[in-house]
Amino acid sequence: MSMVEVAQVAKKYDGSFEALKGVDLNIEQGEILALLGPNGAGKTTLISIICGLVTPTGGHIRVGGHDVITDYRETRRLVGLVPQEINLEPFEKVLNTVRFSRGLFGLKRDDAKIEDVLRRLSLWDKRDTPIRALSGGMKRRVLIAKALAHEPKVLFLDEPTAGVDVELRRDMWEIVADLKARGTTIILTTHYIEEAEAIADRIGVINRGRILLVEDKQSLMTRLGRKELRISLDAPLDALPPSLEGRGLELQDGGQMLVHSYDSTAERSGIARLMADLATEGIAVRDVATRQSSLEEIFVNMVHSEEEAA
């Protein structure tokens, strides 16, 4: 049984706008799923429905085997949510803010647990600091601490590193990796493609309220990503020799660079033959490098293709 099961979930607003259109999604225990999509794709709506904050107009959702509608209290206890917006009481201290969140779920006071959460998020030294005195990045850590205070099994991170600097973003990645190591299931929405590429196990792509695919990250990049062989030449070429035409080669950088695109999963890449043909033509090679398509390129191409087909 999956930790989160989403079956044919739909959400229609004002009787007309469809934010979600029959979404199916299974999320396994202990995995990190990155949900990618442009603005308005339906990411936040889907998360809000799973967390019980928005009511779907169709479909069924189960968290830990419990229905989010009929077993609302059980599913809500299993879920922690870190929202996009920083909405904290500015004059309250960090420690009290996190303690209060635990109490909202009817759990007994556990100072040792709260201390552990704050230490893991590098907030223990700030425990008596008013929220208004914290930086934006530290406030985001407080949001995560609040979400973890009741020991959820599933953690939703909705754009968790929006507006923070690169160094703090990488700190957040380490925090997420630690949570996964402790068995927490994590669903991450992000606009930072490198974030998904760095920490996710699987990638989901959503656009216009529909899931386009959910796939293992490495499998996706292997299947859809192409590699380039970039060959720096000793002397620039004005044009490709006739023997090299029609083979998907491209001259760049004023004829100083020869680019060969190929499928890294194919049985033969054609690289050995290409290098032999260059030598035959008397074309001297200065340097050779390979480059693989990034997840960002794959994502952009996929969304554009889907929109063109619509």
Protein backbone atom coordinates (compact mmCIF):
# COMPACT_ATOMS: atom_id res chain seq x y z
CA MET A 1 0.00 0.00 0.00
CA SER A 2 1.29 3.46 -0.92
CA MET A 3 1.60 6.12 1.76
CA VAL A 4 -0.43 8.57 -0.35
CA GLU A 5 -2.99 7.36 -2.89
CA VAL A 6 -4.69 9.85 -5.20
CA ALA A 7 -7.36 8.46 -7.56
CA GLN A 8 -9.18 10.52 -10.21
CA VAL A 9 -9.11 13.68 -8.11
CA ALA A 10 -10.77 16.72 -9.63
CA LYS A 11 -11.29 20.27 -8.41
CA LYS A 12 -13.56 22.77 -10.08
CA TYR A 13 -13.86 26.37 -8.85
CA ASP A 14 -16.86 28.64 -9.38
CA GLY A 15 -18.55 25.92 -11.35
CA SER A 16 -16.26 26.36 -14.34
CA PHE A 17 -12.48 26.59 -13.81
CA GLU A 18 -10.93 23.14 -13.46
CA ALA A 19 -7.79 23.31 -11.34
CA LEU A 20 -7.39 19.50 -11.35
CA LYS A 21 -8.68 17.09 -13.98
CA GLY A 22 -8.75 13.47 -12.85
CA VAL A 23 -5.35 13.27 -11.16
CA ASP A 24 -3.91 9.84 -10.30
CA LEU A 25 -0.80 9.67 -8.12
CA ASN A 26 0.73 7.12 -5.73
CA ILE A 27 3.55 8.14 -3.38
CA GLU A 28 5.55 5.46 -1.62
CA GLN A 29 6.63 5.52 2.01
CA GLY A 30 10.03 7.11 2.59
CA GLU A 31 10.48 8.57 -0.89
CA ILE A 32 11.01 12.15 -2.03
CA LEU A 33 8.72 13.12 -4.89
CA ALA A 34 9.33 16.45 -6.63
CA LEU A 35 6.24 17.88 -8.30
CA LEU A 36 7.16 20.25 -11.11
CA GLY A 37 4.88 22.51 -13.09
CA PRO A 38 4.47 26.11 -14.24
CA ASN A 39 2.41 28.66 -12.31
CA GLY A 40 -1.25 27.66 -12.26
CA ALA A 41 -0.51 24.02 -13.08
CA GLY A 42 -2.38 22.74 -9.99
CA LYS A 43 0.50 21.92 -7.64
CA THR A 44 -0.72 23.87 -4.61
CA THR A 45 -4.35 22.83 -5.17
CA LEU A 46 -3.35 19.16 -5.15
CA ILE A 47 -1.30 19.54 -1.97
CA SER A 48 -4.10 21.47 -0.26
CA ILE A 49 -6.59 18.72 -1.06
CA ILE A 50 -4.32 15.94 0.25
CA CYS A 51 -3.73 17.96 3.44
CA GLY A 52 -7.48 18.43 3.96
CA LEU A 53 -7.47 22.20 3.43
CA VAL A 54 -9.48 22.11 0.20
CA THR A 55 -12.37 19.79 -0.64
CA PRO A 56 -12.16 17.97 -4.00
CA THR A 57 -15.12 17.91 -6.36
CA GLY A 58 -14.34 14.35 -7.40
CA GLY A 59 -12.10 11.38 -6.73
CA HIS A 60 -10.63 9.78 -3.63
CA ILE A 61 -7.48 10.33 -1.53
CA ARG A 62 -6.00 8.11 1.16
CA VAL A 63 -3.06 8.86 3.43
CA GLY A 64 -1.63 5.94 5.37
CA GLY A 65 -4.71 3.95 4.40
CA HIS A 66 -7.16 6.58 5.75
CA ASP A 67 -9.60 8.54 3.61
CA VAL A 68 -8.92 12.29 3.83
CA ILE A 69 -12.65 13.08 3.96
CA THR A 70 -14.14 10.41 6.20
CA ASP A 71 -11.04 9.96 8.39
CA TYR A 72 -10.03 13.63 8.47
CA ARG A 73 -8.51 13.64 11.97
CA GLU A 74 -6.40 10.54 11.33
CA THR A 75 -5.04 11.79 8.01
CA ARG A 76 -4.35 15.28 9.32
CA ARG A 77 -2.23 13.85 12.14
CA LEU A 78 -0.14 11.98 9.57
CA VAL A 79 0.56 15.09 7.49
CA GLY A 80 2.82 18.10 7.97
CA LEU A 81 2.61 21.09 5.62
CA VAL A 82 5.18 23.81 5.00
CA PRO A 83 3.28 26.45 3.00
CA GLN A 84 4.69 28.98 0.54
CA GLU A 85 3.63 31.97 2.62
CA ILE A 86 5.47 32.87 5.82
CA ASN A 87 2.57 33.40 8.19
CA LEU A 88 3.96 33.46 11.73
CA GLU A 89 3.12 35.47 14.84
CA PRO A 90 5.90 38.11 14.74
CA PHE A 91 6.12 38.79 18.49
CA GLU A 92 6.06 35.16 19.63
CA LYS A 93 9.30 33.32 20.44
CA VAL A 94 10.51 30.44 18.28
CA LEU A 95 10.18 27.81 21.05
CA ASN A 96 6.59 28.76 21.92
CA THR A 97 5.60 28.88 18.25
CA VAL A 98 6.73 25.30 17.67
CA ARG A 99 5.34 24.03 21.00
CA PHE A 100 1.94 25.49 20.14
CA SER A 101 1.82 23.60 16.84
CA ARG A 102 2.28 20.30 18.65
CA GLY A 103 -0.55 21.16 21.02
CA LEU A 104 -2.91 21.85 18.11
CA PHE A 105 -2.85 18.13 17.34
CA GLY A 106 -3.75 17.18 20.90
CA LEU A 107 -0.31 15.79 21.69
CA LYS A 108 1.22 15.99 25.15
CA ARG A 109 4.01 18.43 25.80
CA ASP A 110 7.36 16.87 24.92
CA ASP A 111 10.24 19.28 25.44
CA ALA A 112 12.83 16.72 24.38
CA LYS A 113 11.08 16.20 21.02
CA ILE A 114 10.79 19.95 20.40
CA GLU A 115 14.46 20.45 21.29
CA ASP A 116 15.43 17.68 18.86
CA VAL A 117 13.45 19.32 16.04
CA LEU A 118 14.93 22.75 16.73
CA ARG A 119 18.48 21.41 16.92
CA ARG A 120 18.10 19.52 13.62
CA LEU A 121 17.00 22.77 11.99
CA SER A 122 19.76 24.86 13.64
CA LEU A 123 17.13 26.80 15.58
CA TRP A 124 17.95 25.81 19.17
CA ASP A 125 20.18 28.85 19.71
CA LYS A 126 17.28 31.00 18.44
CA ARG A 127 14.63 29.39 20.65
CA ASP A 128 14.02 32.55 22.73
CA THR A 129 14.22 34.92 19.75
CA PRO A 130 11.00 36.64 18.61
CA ILE A 131 9.98 35.62 15.08
CA ARG A 132 10.20 39.24 13.85
CA ALA A 133 13.95 39.28 14.62
CA LEU A 134 14.71 36.32 12.34
CA SER A 135 15.91 36.43 8.74
CA GLY A 136 13.65 35.15 5.98
CA GLY A 137 15.61 31.92 5.77
CA MET A 138 15.36 31.26 9.50
CA LYS A 139 11.61 31.92 9.37
CA ARG A 140 11.34 29.19 6.75
CA ARG A 141 13.16 26.85 9.15
CA VAL A 142 10.56 27.71 11.80
CA LEU A 143 7.80 26.77 9.33
CA ILE A 144 9.45 23.36 8.88
CA ALA A 145 9.83 22.98 12.66
CA LYS A 146 6.11 23.74 13.12
CA ALA A 147 5.24 21.13 10.50
CA LEU A 148 7.44 18.52 12.22
CA ALA A 149 6.30 19.24 15.79
CA HIS A 150 3.55 16.59 15.73
CA GLU A 151 5.86 13.95 14.15
CA PRO A 152 4.08 13.54 10.79
CA LYS A 153 4.71 10.57 8.50
CA VAL A 154 4.23 12.70 5.36
CA LEU A 155 5.71 16.16 4.86
CA PHE A 156 4.60 18.53 2.11
CA LEU A 157 7.02 21.29 1.18
CA ASP A 158 5.35 23.90 -1.03
CA GLU A 159 8.15 25.97 -2.60
CA PRO A 160 10.24 25.69 0.62
CA THR A 161 13.30 27.59 -0.64
CA ALA A 162 11.56 30.40 -2.52
CA GLY A 163 13.38 33.64 -1.86
CA VAL A 164 16.32 32.20 0.07
CA ASP A 165 19.96 32.37 -0.97
CA VAL A 166 21.85 29.49 -2.56
CA GLU A 167 23.74 28.55 0.61
CA LEU A 168 20.60 28.29 2.70
CA ARG A 169 18.88 26.36 -0.11
CA ARG A 170 21.61 23.73 0.08
CA ASP A 171 21.19 23.61 3.86
CA MET A 172 17.51 22.90 3.27
CA TRP A 173 18.44 20.03 0.95
CA GLU A 174 20.49 18.48 3.76
CA ILE A 175 17.53 18.86 6.12
CA VAL A 176 15.26 17.08 3.64
CA ALA A 177 17.81 14.27 3.19
CA ASP A 178 17.94 13.82 6.97
CA LEU A 179 14.14 13.63 7.16
CA LYS A 180 14.08 10.98 4.46
CA ALA A 181 16.72 8.97 6.34
CA ARG A 182 14.35 8.99 9.32
CA GLY A 183 11.59 7.48 7.18
CA THR A 184 9.55 10.59 6.38
CA THR A 185 7.74 10.65 3.05
CA ILE A 186 8.32 14.02 1.36
CA ILE A 187 6.44 15.73 -1.45
CA LEU A 188 8.18 18.82 -2.75
CA THR A 189 6.91 21.45 -5.15
CA THR A 190 9.54 23.75 -6.53
CA HIS A 191 10.38 26.20 -9.29
CA TYR A 192 14.07 25.39 -8.85
CA ILE A 193 14.71 22.52 -11.22
CA GLU A 194 18.15 21.90 -9.71
CA GLU A 195 16.43 21.31 -6.38
CA ALA A 196 14.43 18.40 -7.81
CA GLU A 197 17.50 17.12 -9.63
CA ALA A 198 19.55 17.21 -6.43
CA ILE A 199 17.26 15.55 -3.90
CA ALA A 200 14.25 13.81 -5.47
CA ASP A 201 13.81 10.07 -6.00
CA ARG A 202 10.99 10.52 -8.49
CA ILE A 203 9.81 13.43 -10.60
CA GLY A 204 6.17 14.27 -11.29
CA VAL A 205 5.25 16.80 -13.95
CA ILE A 206 1.87 18.54 -13.77
CA ASN A 207 0.41 21.03 -16.23
CA ARG A 208 -3.10 22.41 -16.69
CA GLY A 209 -4.43 20.23 -13.90
CA ARG A 210 -3.17 16.95 -15.33
CA ILE A 211 -0.23 14.74 -14.36
CA LEU A 212 1.91 14.33 -17.47
CA LEU A 213 4.17 11.69 -15.93
CA VAL A 214 5.68 10.36 -12.72
CA GLU A 215 8.99 8.59 -13.13
CA ASP A 216 12.23 7.73 -11.41
CA LYS A 217 14.54 10.71 -11.78
CA GLN A 218 17.48 8.87 -13.27
CA SER A 219 15.23 6.84 -15.56
CA LEU A 220 13.56 10.02 -16.79
CA MET A 221 16.84 11.76 -17.53
CA THR A 222 18.17 8.68 -19.30
CA ARG A 223 15.00 8.19 -21.33
CA LEU A 224 14.38 11.80 -22.33
CA GLY A 225 17.76 13.40 -21.91
CA ARG A 226 20.13 13.53 -24.83
CA LYS A 227 23.88 13.87 -24.75
CA GLU A 228 26.04 16.19 -26.78
CA LEU A 229 29.60 15.54 -27.86
CA ARG A 230 31.27 18.95 -28.14
CA ILE A 231 34.44 18.85 -30.21
CA SER A 232 36.77 21.88 -30.14
CA LEU A 233 38.69 22.18 -33.39
CA ASP A 234 42.23 23.44 -33.91
CA ALA A 235 41.11 25.53 -36.87
CA PRO A 236 37.60 26.79 -37.69
CA LEU A 237 35.56 25.24 -40.48
CA ASP A 238 33.58 27.35 -42.94
CA ALA A 239 31.27 24.40 -43.64
CA LEU A 240 30.97 20.68 -42.98
CA PRO A 241 32.80 18.43 -45.47
CA PRO A 242 30.38 16.45 -47.68
CA SER A 243 31.33 13.21 -45.88
CA LEU A 244 29.99 14.63 -42.57
CA GLU A 245 26.73 16.08 -43.85
CA GLY A 246 23.41 14.53 -42.91
CA ARG A 247 24.67 13.10 -39.61
CA GLY A 248 23.10 15.57 -37.19
CA LEU A 249 26.27 17.62 -36.78
CA GLU A 250 26.24 21.34 -36.10
CA LEU A 251 28.98 23.96 -36.31
CA GLN A 252 29.03 26.52 -33.52
CA ASP A 253 31.30 29.30 -32.22
CA GLY A 254 32.24 30.51 -35.66
CA GLY A 255 33.09 27.03 -36.90
CA GLN A 256 35.44 26.38 -33.97
CA MET A 257 33.06 23.90 -32.28
CA LEU A 258 31.50 20.77 -33.76
CA VAL A 259 28.44 19.48 -31.85
CA HIS A 260 27.17 15.92 -32.21
CA SER A 261 23.84 15.03 -30.49
CA TYR A 262 23.23 11.37 -29.71
CA ASP A 263 21.09 9.02 -27.69
CA SER A 264 23.14 7.75 -24.75
CA THR A 265 20.91 4.64 -24.48
CA ALA A 266 21.42 3.57 -28.11
CA GLU A 267 23.57 0.53 -28.86
CA ARG A 268 25.87 2.62 -31.04
CA SER A 269 26.53 6.33 -30.52
CA GLY A 270 28.49 6.85 -33.74
CA ILE A 271 31.26 8.62 -31.86
CA ALA A 272 34.06 6.25 -32.89
CA ARG A 273 33.14 6.51 -36.56
CA LEU A 274 32.86 10.30 -36.31
CA MET A 275 36.32 10.67 -34.79
CA ALA A 276 37.77 8.40 -37.50
CA ASP A 277 36.08 10.45 -40.22
CA LEU A 278 37.45 13.68 -38.76
CA ALA A 279 40.95 12.23 -38.91
CA THR A 280 40.39 11.11 -42.50
CA GLU A 281 39.33 14.65 -43.43
CA GLY A 282 42.45 16.04 -41.78
CA ILE A 283 40.41 17.95 -39.17
CA ALA A 284 42.54 18.38 -36.03
CA VAL A 285 40.75 18.10 -32.69
CA ARG A 286 41.84 20.23 -29.74
CA ASP A 287 39.47 18.99 -27.04
CA VAL A 288 36.40 16.79 -26.54
CA ALA A 289 33.68 17.09 -23.89
CA THR A 290 30.21 15.63 -23.32
CA ARG A 291 27.14 17.34 -21.94
CA GLN A 292 23.82 15.78 -20.92
CA SER A 293 20.44 17.50 -21.07
CA SER A 294 19.48 18.91 -17.67
CA LEU A 295 16.19 18.17 -15.96
CA GLU A 296 15.20 21.78 -16.67
CA GLU A 297 15.54 21.28 -20.43
CA ILE A 298 13.56 18.03 -20.24
CA PHE A 299 10.80 19.71 -18.20
CA VAL A 300 10.52 22.76 -20.47
CA ASN A 301 10.36 20.61 -23.60
CA MET A 302 7.72 18.36 -22.07
CA VAL A 303 5.45 21.24 -21.00
CA HIS A 304 5.80 22.98 -24.37
CA SER A 305 4.98 19.77 -26.23
CA GLU A 306 1.89 19.21 -24.09
CA GLU A 307 0.68 22.80 -24.63
CA GLU A 308 1.21 22.57 -28.38
CA ALA A 309 -0.82 19.36 -28.51
CA ALA A 310 -3.67 20.88 -26.49
